[in-house]
Amino acid sequence: MKIPILNLYYLISYASGILNPAREKVPAGIDDGYNLADLYARLLSEGIENLFSRGLYRQYVGHVEDIAGIRGQLQFSESLRQNKFHNGRAVCKFDELHPDILVNQLLKAGMVRLLMYRNLNHDLTIKLRTLVRRMAHISEILLQPQAFGRLMLNRNMLRYRFLLFITRMVMEHSSVREDGDEVRFIDLERDEDKLATLFEAFVRNFYDVELADYVIARRKLSWSFELGEEDKFIPQMQTDIPLESDRDIFIIDTKYYASALKDNRYGTAKFSSSNMYQMFAYMEHYPNPKGKPLTGILLYPKVSDSLDMRARSNRNPLHEMRFQTLDLSVPWPEIRKELLNLVSS
C-alpha cells in the first residue's frame, strides 16, 4: 500500500491533536512529488516563517556580561579580578528578554536535521537554509527526546505546538548516520510500529474533531475479579478509542499488520486470536448501565486484504464485533466518508 503524501498530511495533522484539517487550508502544492521529509520541511518552513512575521517567542534569560556602568546584580569579585572598575565598566548578572530558548532551539534543530537529508526538495532546502541563517542568534542543540521532555508551554505559545509536534516527528522518523554527516528517513509504510502509533492517534483525534455528539476518552476498565492484596499484579485494562453517545457505544482498537489475516499452523488464514480476546474483554467489562448497543471494531489499514465483517454475540444481543480495513491509498474525501460511516447508527 502506498499512502499518497496528501493523505499523510491529513493523518499527521489529525494525529497531532492540535491542527484541525477540516478548518485549515491545505498548503498548496503538496502532491506525490513530495516525500515524507519534504512534507515535514514544508510544514516547518511555512510555520516558522509565520512565527517570524509575528516575532519569535522570548523569555527572560540570565546573562553575565561585561558592560559599561552597572545593571542587575553586580559581580563584584569578578569585576575586581578583571580590573573593570578602572575603565568605568563592571561584570553584571541580569535577565534579558531573548528568543534563545528551548522552543526556538528545537525548531532550529529540526530544520538542521532536515537539511542533512540529501534527497530534500531543492526549493525547500533553500527555504530552510534561509530560516536557519535568520536563527543564527539561536543556540544549536541536538534533536533528542530529552529536550522535548523539558518543554513547558504556556498559553502564549500555542502557535508553537503543531510545529513542535512536526519537529518531534522529524526526530522519530529519521536517523543520523554514525559519521553524523547524513540523515535517513524511514519508509513509513514499511515501519509497522511507527505507522501503528500514527494510525491510532489519527483515528482517535479524527473522531474527536468530527463527532461532536460523542464523548471520546480512554477509559480504564475494572476486571470482574479481585486478587486482594495481589491486585497490583493484574495488568490494567484500558480501551484505546471508546466513543459514547446517548444512543450507542463504539470501542475501536486500531491495528497495523502487513495482513489482517494470518495463516495458522495448518495454513488457514485467521484473525489474530489475541486481538479478538482483547476486544471481547473490553466489551464484556465496559460499563453500560443503560443497555446501549455496543460495537467493538478492530480497524486495520488496508495493506492487502479488504475486510468488512460482523459477528453478533450469542451472549448479548446488544454486542457486535466488527473487522474492518481502511484503505489509506484512496482520495482523502473517501477516507473521511468511510470513517464516518463506520460509526453511523
C-alpha atoms as a PDB file:
ATOM      1  CA  MET A   1       0.000   0.000   0.000  1.00  0.00           C
ATOM      2  CA  LYS A   2       1.293   3.420  -0.975  1.00  0.00           C
ATOM      3  CA  ILE A   3      -0.138   6.285   1.078  1.00  0.00           C
ATOM      4  CA  PRO A   4      -0.379   9.487  -1.003  1.00  0.00           C
ATOM      5  CA  ILE A   5       1.514  12.383   0.547  1.00  0.00           C
ATOM      6  CA  LEU A   6      -1.692  14.440   0.847  1.00  0.00           C
ATOM      7  CA  ASN A   7      -3.251  11.656   2.912  1.00  0.00           C
ATOM      8  CA  LEU A   8      -0.146  11.595   5.090  1.00  0.00           C
ATOM      9  CA  TYR A   9      -0.685  15.322   5.650  1.00  0.00           C
ATOM     10  CA  TYR A  10      -4.207  14.593   6.948  1.00  0.00           C
ATOM     11  CA  LEU A  11      -3.023  11.657   9.075  1.00  0.00           C
ATOM     12  CA  ILE A  12      -0.262  13.732  10.673  1.00  0.00           C
ATOM     13  CA  SER A  13      -2.456  16.790  11.147  1.00  0.00           C
ATOM     14  CA  TYR A  14      -5.218  14.875  12.909  1.00  0.00           C
ATOM     15  CA  ALA A  15      -2.707  12.762  14.861  1.00  0.00           C
ATOM     16  CA  SER A  16      -1.183  15.903  16.341  1.00  0.00           C
ATOM     17  CA  GLY A  17      -4.391  16.623  18.244  1.00  0.00           C
ATOM     18  CA  ILE A  18      -3.619  20.301  17.586  1.00  0.00           C
ATOM     19  CA  LEU A  19      -4.427  21.135  13.989  1.00  0.00           C
ATOM     20  CA  ASN A  20      -7.973  20.746  12.686  1.00  0.00           C
ATOM     21  CA  PRO A  21      -7.588  19.981   8.966  1.00  0.00           C
ATOM     22  CA  ALA A  22     -11.333  20.497   8.466  1.00  0.00           C
ATOM     23  CA  ARG A  23     -10.803  24.188   9.238  1.00  0.00           C
ATOM     24  CA  GLU A  24      -7.294  24.675   7.889  1.00  0.00           C
ATOM     25  CA  LYS A  25      -6.411  25.441   4.301  1.00  0.00           C
ATOM     26  CA  VAL A  26      -4.293  22.617   2.874  1.00  0.00           C
ATOM     27  CA  PRO A  27      -0.908  24.051   1.792  1.00  0.00           C
ATOM     28  CA  ALA A  28      -0.878  24.392  -1.984  1.00  0.00           C
ATOM     29  CA  GLY A  29       1.438  22.158  -3.960  1.00  0.00           C
ATOM     30  CA  ILE A  30       1.560  19.190  -1.587  1.00  0.00           C
ATOM     31  CA  ASP A  31       1.465  16.290  -4.035  1.00  0.00           C
ATOM     32  CA  ASP A  32       3.083  12.951  -4.727  1.00  0.00           C
ATOM     33  CA  GLY A  33       6.290  14.682  -5.846  1.00  0.00           C
ATOM     34  CA  TYR A  34       6.961  15.157  -2.138  1.00  0.00           C
ATOM     35  CA  ASN A  35       8.458  12.560   0.169  1.00  0.00           C
ATOM     36  CA  LEU A  36       7.958  12.440   3.948  1.00  0.00           C
ATOM     37  CA  ALA A  37      10.928  14.730   4.640  1.00  0.00           C
ATOM     38  CA  ASP A  38       9.617  17.233   2.072  1.00  0.00           C
ATOM     39  CA  LEU A  39       6.243  17.286   3.817  1.00  0.00           C
ATOM     40  CA  TYR A  40       7.837  17.981   7.191  1.00  0.00           C
ATOM     41  CA  ALA A  41      10.111  20.632   5.659  1.00  0.00           C
ATOM     42  CA  ARG A  42       7.139  22.348   4.017  1.00  0.00           C
ATOM     43  CA  LEU A  43       5.078  22.443   7.213  1.00  0.00           C
ATOM     44  CA  LEU A  44       8.009  23.598   9.333  1.00  0.00           C
ATOM     45  CA  SER A  45       9.232  26.274   6.939  1.00  0.00           C
ATOM     46  CA  GLU A  46       5.795  27.835   6.456  1.00  0.00           C
ATOM     47  CA  GLY A  47       5.052  27.710  10.176  1.00  0.00           C
ATOM     48  CA  ILE A  48       8.387  29.253  11.164  1.00  0.00           C
ATOM     49  CA  GLU A  49       8.029  31.983   8.553  1.00  0.00           C
ATOM     50  CA  ASN A  50       4.713  32.809  10.213  1.00  0.00           C
ATOM     51  CA  LEU A  51       6.444  32.914  13.602  1.00  0.00           C
ATOM     52  CA  PHE A  52       8.975  35.407  12.266  1.00  0.00           C
ATOM     53  CA  SER A  53       6.181  37.628  10.936  1.00  0.00           C
ATOM     54  CA  ARG A  54       4.736  37.787  14.465  1.00  0.00           C
ATOM     55  CA  GLY A  55       8.045  37.664  16.277  1.00  0.00           C
ATOM     56  CA  LEU A  56       9.719  34.645  17.872  1.00  0.00           C
ATOM     57  CA  TYR A  57       8.598  33.994  21.410  1.00  0.00           C
ATOM     58  CA  ARG A  58      11.011  35.370  24.002  1.00  0.00           C
ATOM     59  CA  GLN A  59      11.612  34.686  27.672  1.00  0.00           C
ATOM     60  CA  TYR A  60      13.854  36.189  30.281  1.00  0.00           C
ATOM     61  CA  VAL A  61      17.266  34.551  30.046  1.00  0.00           C
ATOM     62  CA  GLY A  62      20.074  35.096  32.549  1.00  0.00           C
ATOM     63  CA  HIS A  63      23.242  36.769  31.244  1.00  0.00           C
ATOM     64  CA  VAL A  64      26.620  37.564  32.755  1.00  0.00           C
ATOM     65  CA  GLU A  65      28.349  40.305  30.737  1.00  0.00           C
ATOM     66  CA  ASP A  66      30.995  42.961  30.888  1.00  0.00           C
ATOM     67  CA  ILE A  67      29.073  46.247  30.429  1.00  0.00           C
ATOM     68  CA  ALA A  68      29.513  49.976  30.882  1.00  0.00           C
ATOM     69  CA  GLY A  69      28.032  51.003  34.244  1.00  0.00           C
ATOM     70  CA  ILE A  70      26.032  48.634  36.421  1.00  0.00           C
ATOM     71  CA  ARG A  71      22.935  46.647  35.542  1.00  0.00           C
ATOM     72  CA  GLY A  72      21.198  43.963  37.543  1.00  0.00           C
ATOM     73  CA  GLN A  73      23.405  42.138  40.051  1.00  0.00           C
ATOM     74  CA  LEU A  74      26.999  43.356  40.263  1.00  0.00           C
ATOM     75  CA  GLN A  75      29.559  40.548  40.156  1.00  0.00           C
ATOM     76  CA  PHE A  76      31.986  42.423  42.394  1.00  0.00           C
ATOM     77  CA  SER A  77      34.751  39.841  42.742  1.00  0.00           C
ATOM     78  CA  GLU A  78      34.857  39.090  39.015  1.00  0.00           C
ATOM     79  CA  SER A  79      34.820  42.797  38.132  1.00  0.00           C
ATOM     80  CA  LEU A  80      37.692  43.405  40.550  1.00  0.00           C
ATOM     81  CA  ARG A  81      39.654  40.418  39.236  1.00  0.00           C
ATOM     82  CA  GLN A  82      39.342  41.698  35.663  1.00  0.00           C
ATOM     83  CA  ASN A  83      40.124  45.297  36.727  1.00  0.00           C
ATOM     84  CA  LYS A  84      36.906  46.559  35.115  1.00  0.00           C
ATOM     85  CA  PHE A  85      36.146  49.401  37.544  1.00  0.00           C
ATOM     86  CA  HIS A  86      39.199  51.329  36.325  1.00  0.00           C
ATOM     87  CA  ASN A  87      37.517  51.755  32.898  1.00  0.00           C
ATOM     88  CA  GLY A  88      34.047  52.515  34.247  1.00  0.00           C
ATOM     89  CA  ARG A  89      32.824  49.027  33.445  1.00  0.00           C
ATOM     90  CA  ALA A  90      31.637  46.073  35.508  1.00  0.00           C
ATOM     91  CA  VAL A  91      30.734  42.389  35.193  1.00  0.00           C
ATOM     92  CA  CYS A  92      26.994  42.141  35.893  1.00  0.00           C
ATOM     93  CA  LYS A  93      24.398  39.403  36.014  1.00  0.00           C
ATOM     94  CA  PHE A  94      20.972  40.316  34.684  1.00  0.00           C
ATOM     95  CA  ASP A  95      17.891  38.886  32.970  1.00  0.00           C
ATOM     96  CA  GLU A  96      17.039  39.896  29.427  1.00  0.00           C
ATOM     97  CA  LEU A  97      14.168  39.021  27.088  1.00  0.00           C
ATOM     98  CA  HIS A  98      15.690  36.811  24.433  1.00  0.00           C
ATOM     99  CA  PRO A  99      14.464  34.288  21.835  1.00  0.00           C
ATOM    100  CA  ASP A 100      17.338  31.868  22.552  1.00  0.00           C
ATOM    101  CA  ILE A 101      15.064  29.471  24.451  1.00  0.00           C
ATOM    102  CA  LEU A 102      14.267  25.777  24.156  1.00  0.00           C
ATOM    103  CA  VAL A 103      11.210  26.024  21.863  1.00  0.00           C
ATOM    104  CA  ASN A 104      13.158  28.007  19.260  1.00  0.00           C
ATOM    105  CA  GLN A 105      16.241  25.835  19.691  1.00  0.00           C
ATOM    106  CA  LEU A 106      14.162  22.729  18.928  1.00  0.00           C
ATOM    107  CA  LEU A 107      12.659  24.253  15.787  1.00  0.00           C
ATOM    108  CA  LYS A 108      16.129  25.154  14.578  1.00  0.00           C
ATOM    109  CA  ALA A 109      17.373  21.643  15.381  1.00  0.00           C
ATOM    110  CA  GLY A 110      14.500  20.171  13.358  1.00  0.00           C
ATOM    111  CA  MET A 111      15.431  22.261  10.331  1.00  0.00           C
ATOM    112  CA  VAL A 112      19.111  21.356  10.674  1.00  0.00           C
ATOM    113  CA  ARG A 113      18.153  17.645  10.780  1.00  0.00           C
ATOM    114  CA  LEU A 114      16.074  18.037   7.610  1.00  0.00           C
ATOM    115  CA  LEU A 115      18.923  19.802   5.819  1.00  0.00           C
ATOM    116  CA  MET A 116      21.103  16.741   6.432  1.00  0.00           C
ATOM    117  CA  TYR A 117      18.742  14.706   4.223  1.00  0.00           C
ATOM    118  CA  ARG A 118      20.279  14.610   0.745  1.00  0.00           C
ATOM    119  CA  ASN A 119      17.041  13.983  -1.139  1.00  0.00           C
ATOM    120  CA  LEU A 120      15.227  17.011   0.240  1.00  0.00           C
ATOM    121  CA  ASN A 121      13.341  19.104  -2.308  1.00  0.00           C
ATOM    122  CA  HIS A 122      15.640  21.830  -3.713  1.00  0.00           C
ATOM    123  CA  ASP A 123      13.288  24.771  -3.108  1.00  0.00           C
ATOM    124  CA  LEU A 124      12.582  23.598   0.426  1.00  0.00           C
ATOM    125  CA  THR A 125      16.319  23.251   1.064  1.00  0.00           C
ATOM    126  CA  ILE A 126      16.827  26.904   0.121  1.00  0.00           C
ATOM    127  CA  LYS A 127      13.925  27.949   2.373  1.00  0.00           C
ATOM    128  CA  LEU A 128      15.267  26.035   5.362  1.00  0.00           C
ATOM    129  CA  ARG A 129      18.802  27.348   4.914  1.00  0.00           C
ATOM    130  CA  THR A 130      17.443  30.908   4.856  1.00  0.00           C
ATOM    131  CA  LEU A 131      15.456  30.332   8.041  1.00  0.00           C
ATOM    132  CA  VAL A 132      18.415  28.723   9.812  1.00  0.00           C
ATOM    133  CA  ARG A 133      20.532  31.773   8.956  1.00  0.00           C
ATOM    134  CA  ARG A 134      17.794  34.009  10.358  1.00  0.00           C
ATOM    135  CA  MET A 135      18.049  31.990  13.577  1.00  0.00           C
ATOM    136  CA  ALA A 136      21.813  32.489  13.902  1.00  0.00           C
ATOM    137  CA  HIS A 137      21.215  34.014  17.342  1.00  0.00           C
ATOM    138  CA  ILE A 138      19.517  30.787  18.483  1.00  0.00           C
ATOM    139  CA  SER A 139      21.805  28.155  20.021  1.00  0.00           C
ATOM    140  CA  GLU A 140      22.169  24.824  18.226  1.00  0.00           C
ATOM    141  CA  ILE A 141      21.170  21.746  20.211  1.00  0.00           C
ATOM    142  CA  LEU A 142      20.885  18.066  19.373  1.00  0.00           C
ATOM    143  CA  LEU A 143      17.440  16.811  18.404  1.00  0.00           C
ATOM    144  CA  GLN A 144      16.867  14.370  21.284  1.00  0.00           C
ATOM    145  CA  PRO A 145      13.837  13.106  23.271  1.00  0.00           C
ATOM    146  CA  GLN A 146      15.233  14.575  26.497  1.00  0.00           C
ATOM    147  CA  ALA A 147      14.870  18.086  25.089  1.00  0.00           C
ATOM    148  CA  PHE A 148      11.157  17.547  24.440  1.00  0.00           C
ATOM    149  CA  GLY A 149      10.801  16.258  27.991  1.00  0.00           C
ATOM    150  CA  ARG A 150      11.985  19.635  29.307  1.00  0.00           C
ATOM    151  CA  LEU A 151       9.389  21.611  27.354  1.00  0.00           C
ATOM    152  CA  MET A 152       6.946  23.745  29.302  1.00  0.00           C
ATOM    153  CA  LEU A 153       4.470  25.542  27.053  1.00  0.00           C
ATOM    154  CA  ASN A 154       2.161  28.296  28.227  1.00  0.00           C
ATOM    155  CA  ARG A 155      -0.952  29.673  26.530  1.00  0.00           C
ATOM    156  CA  ASN A 156       1.083  32.367  24.777  1.00  0.00           C
ATOM    157  CA  MET A 157       2.979  29.666  22.894  1.00  0.00           C
ATOM    158  CA  LEU A 158       0.038  27.829  21.324  1.00  0.00           C
ATOM    159  CA  ARG A 159       1.208  28.616  17.799  1.00  0.00           C
ATOM    160  CA  TYR A 160       4.338  26.570  18.562  1.00  0.00           C
ATOM    161  CA  ARG A 161       2.528  23.356  19.443  1.00  0.00           C
ATOM    162  CA  PHE A 162       1.963  21.985  15.940  1.00  0.00           C
ATOM    163  CA  LEU A 163       5.468  22.972  14.826  1.00  0.00           C
ATOM    164  CA  LEU A 164       6.963  21.190  17.828  1.00  0.00           C
ATOM    165  CA  PHE A 165       4.854  18.129  17.004  1.00  0.00           C
ATOM    166  CA  ILE A 166       6.257  18.138  13.454  1.00  0.00           C
ATOM    167  CA  THR A 167       9.780  18.596  14.847  1.00  0.00           C
ATOM    168  CA  ARG A 168       9.254  15.551  17.049  1.00  0.00           C
ATOM    169  CA  MET A 169       8.051  13.581  14.010  1.00  0.00           C
ATOM    170  CA  VAL A 170      11.244  14.613  12.194  1.00  0.00           C
ATOM    171  CA  MET A 171      13.236  13.202  15.116  1.00  0.00           C
ATOM    172  CA  GLU A 172      11.246   9.948  15.402  1.00  0.00           C
ATOM    173  CA  HIS A 173      11.060   9.262  11.678  1.00  0.00           C
ATOM    174  CA  SER A 174      14.729   9.822  10.874  1.00  0.00           C
ATOM    175  CA  SER A 175      18.114   8.593  11.971  1.00  0.00           C
ATOM    176  CA  VAL A 176      21.585  10.134  11.732  1.00  0.00           C
ATOM    177  CA  ARG A 177      24.406   8.025  10.333  1.00  0.00           C
ATOM    178  CA  GLU A 178      27.233   7.185  12.707  1.00  0.00           C
ATOM    179  CA  ASP A 179      29.550   9.656  10.997  1.00  0.00           C
ATOM    180  CA  GLY A 180      26.959  12.376  11.630  1.00  0.00           C
ATOM    181  CA  ASP A 181      27.013  13.625   8.045  1.00  0.00           C
ATOM    182  CA  GLU A 182      23.771  12.270   6.655  1.00  0.00           C
ATOM    183  CA  VAL A 183      20.196  11.594   7.725  1.00  0.00           C
ATOM    184  CA  ARG A 184      17.941   8.794   6.562  1.00  0.00           C
ATOM    185  CA  PHE A 185      14.144   8.914   6.793  1.00  0.00           C
ATOM    186  CA  ILE A 186      12.131   5.788   7.420  1.00  0.00           C
ATOM    187  CA  ASP A 187       9.758   4.299   4.886  1.00  0.00           C
ATOM    188  CA  LEU A 188       6.670   4.946   7.000  1.00  0.00           C
ATOM    189  CA  GLU A 189       4.516   2.396   5.188  1.00  0.00           C
ATOM    190  CA  ARG A 190       7.052  -0.361   5.938  1.00  0.00           C
ATOM    191  CA  ASP A 191       7.601   0.536   9.591  1.00  0.00           C
ATOM    192  CA  GLU A 192       4.706  -1.211  11.331  1.00  0.00           C
ATOM    193  CA  ASP A 193       5.410   0.240  14.789  1.00  0.00           C
ATOM    194  CA  LYS A 194       5.672   3.859  13.644  1.00  0.00           C
ATOM    195  CA  LEU A 195       2.640   3.662  11.372  1.00  0.00           C
ATOM    196  CA  ALA A 196       0.589   1.850  14.046  1.00  0.00           C
ATOM    197  CA  THR A 197       1.258   4.670  16.531  1.00  0.00           C
ATOM    198  CA  LEU A 198       0.404   7.338  13.959  1.00  0.00           C
ATOM    199  CA  PHE A 199      -2.711   5.483  12.785  1.00  0.00           C
ATOM    200  CA  GLU A 200      -4.119   5.133  16.297  1.00  0.00           C
ATOM    201  CA  ALA A 201      -3.593   8.823  17.105  1.00  0.00           C
ATOM    202  CA  PHE A 202      -5.106   9.795  13.746  1.00  0.00           C
ATOM    203  CA  VAL A 203      -8.288   7.761  14.237  1.00  0.00           C
ATOM    204  CA  ARG A 204      -8.789   8.922  17.831  1.00  0.00           C
ATOM    205  CA  ASN A 205      -8.350  12.602  17.053  1.00  0.00           C
ATOM    206  CA  PHE A 206     -10.335  12.380  13.807  1.00  0.00           C
ATOM    207  CA  TYR A 207     -13.400  11.269  15.737  1.00  0.00           C
ATOM    208  CA  ASP A 208     -12.714  13.771  18.496  1.00  0.00           C
ATOM    209  CA  VAL A 209     -12.819  16.569  15.903  1.00  0.00           C
ATOM    210  CA  GLU A 210     -15.592  15.265  13.663  1.00  0.00           C
ATOM    211  CA  LEU A 211     -18.123  13.781  16.113  1.00  0.00           C
ATOM    212  CA  ALA A 212     -19.496  16.485  18.380  1.00  0.00           C
ATOM    213  CA  ASP A 213     -22.195  14.243  19.891  1.00  0.00           C
ATOM    214  CA  TYR A 214     -19.752  11.563  21.110  1.00  0.00           C
ATOM    215  CA  VAL A 215     -17.545  11.586  24.189  1.00  0.00           C
ATOM    216  CA  ILE A 216     -14.130  10.232  23.249  1.00  0.00           C
ATOM    217  CA  ALA A 217     -11.717   9.471  26.069  1.00  0.00           C
ATOM    218  CA  ARG A 218      -9.651   6.474  27.054  1.00  0.00           C
ATOM    219  CA  ARG A 219     -11.213   4.510  29.911  1.00  0.00           C
ATOM    220  CA  LYS A 220      -9.661   2.223  32.457  1.00  0.00           C
ATOM    221  CA  LEU A 221     -11.939  -0.772  32.869  1.00  0.00           C
ATOM    222  CA  SER A 222     -12.316  -2.835  36.028  1.00  0.00           C
ATOM    223  CA  TRP A 223     -11.753  -6.557  35.924  1.00  0.00           C
ATOM    224  CA  SER A 224     -14.629  -8.725  37.171  1.00  0.00           C
ATOM    225  CA  PHE A 225     -12.413 -10.458  39.748  1.00  0.00           C
ATOM    226  CA  GLU A 226     -10.024  -9.472  42.521  1.00  0.00           C
ATOM    227  CA  LEU A 227      -6.800 -10.851  43.956  1.00  0.00           C
ATOM    228  CA  GLY A 228      -6.981  -8.920  47.202  1.00  0.00           C
ATOM    229  CA  GLU A 229      -3.544  -7.689  48.200  1.00  0.00           C
ATOM    230  CA  GLU A 230      -2.138  -9.103  44.956  1.00  0.00           C
ATOM    231  CA  ASP A 231      -4.247  -6.793  42.757  1.00  0.00           C
ATOM    232  CA  LYS A 232      -1.050  -4.944  41.891  1.00  0.00           C
ATOM    233  CA  PHE A 233      -0.094  -7.913  39.698  1.00  0.00           C
ATOM    234  CA  ILE A 234      -3.207  -7.564  37.495  1.00  0.00           C
ATOM    235  CA  PRO A 235      -2.487  -5.551  34.329  1.00  0.00           C
ATOM    236  CA  GLN A 236      -4.581  -2.509  33.581  1.00  0.00           C
ATOM    237  CA  MET A 237      -7.353  -2.839  31.025  1.00  0.00           C
ATOM    238  CA  GLN A 238      -7.654   0.408  29.048  1.00  0.00           C
ATOM    239  CA  THR A 239      -9.587   0.994  25.871  1.00  0.00           C
ATOM    240  CA  ASP A 240      -7.824   2.755  23.008  1.00  0.00           C
ATOM    241  CA  ILE A 241     -10.651   4.650  21.315  1.00  0.00           C
ATOM    242  CA  PRO A 242     -14.055   4.475  23.033  1.00  0.00           C
ATOM    243  CA  LEU A 243     -16.856   6.585  21.537  1.00  0.00           C
ATOM    244  CA  GLU A 244     -20.026   7.012  23.594  1.00  0.00           C
ATOM    245  CA  SER A 245     -23.182   8.949  22.825  1.00  0.00           C
ATOM    246  CA  ASP A 246     -26.691   8.946  24.241  1.00  0.00           C
ATOM    247  CA  ARG A 247     -27.602   6.311  21.636  1.00  0.00           C
ATOM    248  CA  ASP A 248     -24.726   3.849  21.367  1.00  0.00           C
ATOM    249  CA  ILE A 249     -21.144   2.928  22.208  1.00  0.00           C
ATOM    250  CA  PHE A 250     -18.251   2.066  19.920  1.00  0.00           C
ATOM    251  CA  ILE A 251     -14.892   0.690  21.056  1.00  0.00           C
ATOM    252  CA  ILE A 252     -12.298   0.968  18.311  1.00  0.00           C
ATOM    253  CA  ASP A 253      -8.956  -0.794  18.543  1.00  0.00           C
ATOM    254  CA  THR A 254      -6.560   0.049  15.717  1.00  0.00           C
ATOM    255  CA  LYS A 255      -4.029  -2.481  14.498  1.00  0.00           C
ATOM    256  CA  TYR A 256      -1.399  -2.403  11.811  1.00  0.00           C
ATOM    257  CA  TYR A 257      -0.045  -5.546  10.184  1.00  0.00           C
ATOM    258  CA  ALA A 258       1.085  -6.457   6.702  1.00  0.00           C
ATOM    259  CA  SER A 259      -2.119  -8.531   6.631  1.00  0.00           C
ATOM    260  CA  ALA A 260      -5.137  -8.533   8.966  1.00  0.00           C
ATOM    261  CA  LEU A 261      -5.358 -12.289   8.423  1.00  0.00           C
ATOM    262  CA  LYS A 262      -2.515 -14.598   9.351  1.00  0.00           C
ATOM    263  CA  ASP A 263      -2.018 -18.242   8.484  1.00  0.00           C
ATOM    264  CA  ASN A 264      -2.216 -20.626  11.428  1.00  0.00           C
ATOM    265  CA  ARG A 265      -0.057 -23.728  11.681  1.00  0.00           C
ATOM    266  CA  TYR A 266      -2.395 -25.527   9.273  1.00  0.00           C
ATOM    267  CA  GLY A 267      -2.036 -22.793   6.637  1.00  0.00           C
ATOM    268  CA  THR A 268      -5.546 -21.415   7.150  1.00  0.00           C
ATOM    269  CA  ALA A 269      -5.970 -17.615   7.244  1.00  0.00           C
ATOM    270  CA  LYS A 270      -7.382 -16.450  10.591  1.00  0.00           C
ATOM    271  CA  PHE A 271      -7.851 -13.254  12.548  1.00  0.00           C
ATOM    272  CA  SER A 272      -5.476 -12.773  15.466  1.00  0.00           C
ATOM    273  CA  SER A 273      -6.987 -14.564  18.458  1.00  0.00           C
ATOM    274  CA  SER A 274      -5.224 -12.207  20.892  1.00  0.00           C
ATOM    275  CA  ASN A 275      -6.869  -9.202  19.198  1.00  0.00           C
ATOM    276  CA  MET A 276     -10.266 -10.832  19.470  1.00  0.00           C
ATOM    277  CA  TYR A 277      -9.736 -11.830  23.120  1.00  0.00           C
ATOM    278  CA  GLN A 278      -8.704  -8.262  23.894  1.00  0.00           C
ATOM    279  CA  MET A 279     -11.769  -6.747  22.221  1.00  0.00           C
ATOM    280  CA  PHE A 280     -14.053  -9.312  23.836  1.00  0.00           C
ATOM    281  CA  ALA A 281     -12.664  -8.355  27.265  1.00  0.00           C
ATOM    282  CA  TYR A 282     -13.238  -4.654  26.536  1.00  0.00           C
ATOM    283  CA  MET A 283     -16.831  -5.269  25.516  1.00  0.00           C
ATOM    284  CA  GLU A 284     -17.608  -7.532  28.485  1.00  0.00           C
ATOM    285  CA  HIS A 285     -16.191  -5.089  31.036  1.00  0.00           C
ATOM    286  CA  TYR A 286     -17.261  -1.760  29.560  1.00  0.00           C
ATOM    287  CA  PRO A 287     -19.819  -0.105  31.891  1.00  0.00           C
ATOM    288  CA  ASN A 288     -23.149   0.081  30.092  1.00  0.00           C
ATOM    289  CA  PRO A 289     -25.910   0.523  32.688  1.00  0.00           C
ATOM    290  CA  LYS A 290     -28.437   1.898  30.148  1.00  0.00           C
ATOM    291  CA  GLY A 291     -28.035  -1.102  27.846  1.00  0.00           C
ATOM    292  CA  LYS A 292     -26.926   0.802  24.756  1.00  0.00           C
ATOM    293  CA  PRO A 293     -25.903  -1.112  21.619  1.00  0.00           C
ATOM    294  CA  LEU A 294     -22.146  -1.712  21.896  1.00  0.00           C
ATOM    295  CA  THR A 295     -19.934  -2.358  18.879  1.00  0.00           C
ATOM    296  CA  GLY A 296     -16.295  -3.354  19.101  1.00  0.00           C
ATOM    297  CA  ILE A 297     -14.327  -2.572  15.925  1.00  0.00           C
ATOM    298  CA  LEU A 298     -10.910  -3.958  15.056  1.00  0.00           C
ATOM    299  CA  LEU A 299      -9.690  -1.446  12.477  1.00  0.00           C
ATOM    300  CA  TYR A 300      -6.759  -2.189  10.183  1.00  0.00           C
ATOM    301  CA  PRO A 301      -5.186  -0.037   7.459  1.00  0.00           C
ATOM    302  CA  LYS A 302      -5.729  -1.914   4.220  1.00  0.00           C
ATOM    303  CA  VAL A 303      -2.469  -3.415   3.034  1.00  0.00           C
ATOM    304  CA  SER A 304      -3.567  -6.439   1.055  1.00  0.00           C
ATOM    305  CA  ASP A 305      -6.912  -7.779   2.308  1.00  0.00           C
ATOM    306  CA  SER A 306     -10.117  -5.735   2.165  1.00  0.00           C
ATOM    307  CA  LEU A 307     -12.404  -6.628   5.074  1.00  0.00           C
ATOM    308  CA  ASP A 308     -15.840  -5.657   6.341  1.00  0.00           C
ATOM    309  CA  MET A 309     -17.094  -8.440   8.571  1.00  0.00           C
ATOM    310  CA  ARG A 310     -19.517  -8.506  11.509  1.00  0.00           C
ATOM    311  CA  ALA A 311     -20.116 -11.022  14.278  1.00  0.00           C
ATOM    312  CA  ARG A 312     -23.131 -10.769  16.600  1.00  0.00           C
ATOM    313  CA  SER A 313     -22.612 -12.013  20.158  1.00  0.00           C
ATOM    314  CA  ASN A 314     -24.525 -15.100  21.252  1.00  0.00           C
ATOM    315  CA  ARG A 315     -24.211 -13.989  24.891  1.00  0.00           C
ATOM    316  CA  ASN A 316     -25.516 -10.453  24.488  1.00  0.00           C
ATOM    317  CA  PRO A 317     -27.690  -9.400  21.524  1.00  0.00           C
ATOM    318  CA  LEU A 318     -26.562  -5.773  22.020  1.00  0.00           C
ATOM    319  CA  HIS A 319     -22.922  -6.670  21.355  1.00  0.00           C
ATOM    320  CA  GLU A 320     -21.399  -6.816  17.890  1.00  0.00           C
ATOM    321  CA  MET A 321     -17.753  -7.260  16.876  1.00  0.00           C
ATOM    322  CA  ARG A 322     -16.574  -5.911  13.538  1.00  0.00           C
ATOM    323  CA  PHE A 323     -13.430  -6.430  11.474  1.00  0.00           C
ATOM    324  CA  GLN A 324     -12.785  -3.512   9.136  1.00  0.00           C
ATOM    325  CA  THR A 325      -9.988  -2.292   6.891  1.00  0.00           C
ATOM    326  CA  LEU A 326      -9.452   1.327   5.893  1.00  0.00           C
ATOM    327  CA  ASP A 327      -7.831   1.997   2.531  1.00  0.00           C
ATOM    328  CA  LEU A 328      -5.385   4.875   3.047  1.00  0.00           C
ATOM    329  CA  SER A 329      -4.442   4.975  -0.645  1.00  0.00           C
ATOM    330  CA  VAL A 330      -7.773   6.352  -1.904  1.00  0.00           C
ATOM    331  CA  PRO A 331      -8.538  10.108  -2.104  1.00  0.00           C
ATOM    332  CA  TRP A 332      -8.969  11.780   1.279  1.00  0.00           C
ATOM    333  CA  PRO A 333     -12.734  12.506   0.939  1.00  0.00           C
ATOM    334  CA  GLU A 334     -13.337   8.757   0.578  1.00  0.00           C
ATOM    335  CA  ILE A 335     -11.310   8.011   3.725  1.00  0.00           C
ATOM    336  CA  ARG A 336     -13.237  10.640   5.674  1.00  0.00           C
ATOM    337  CA  LYS A 337     -16.561   9.254   4.438  1.00  0.00           C
ATOM    338  CA  GLU A 338     -15.542   5.689   5.318  1.00  0.00           C
ATOM    339  CA  LEU A 339     -14.554   6.654   8.879  1.00  0.00           C
ATOM    340  CA  LEU A 340     -17.823   8.493   9.451  1.00  0.00           C
ATOM    341  CA  ASN A 341     -19.876   5.611   8.010  1.00  0.00           C
ATOM    342  CA  LEU A 342     -18.027   3.210  10.306  1.00  0.00           C
ATOM    343  CA  VAL A 343     -19.788   4.644  13.357  1.00  0.00           C
ATOM    344  CA  SER A 344     -23.065   5.696  11.819  1.00  0.00           C
ATOM    345  CA  SER A 345     -26.033   4.197  13.649  1.00  0.00           C
END
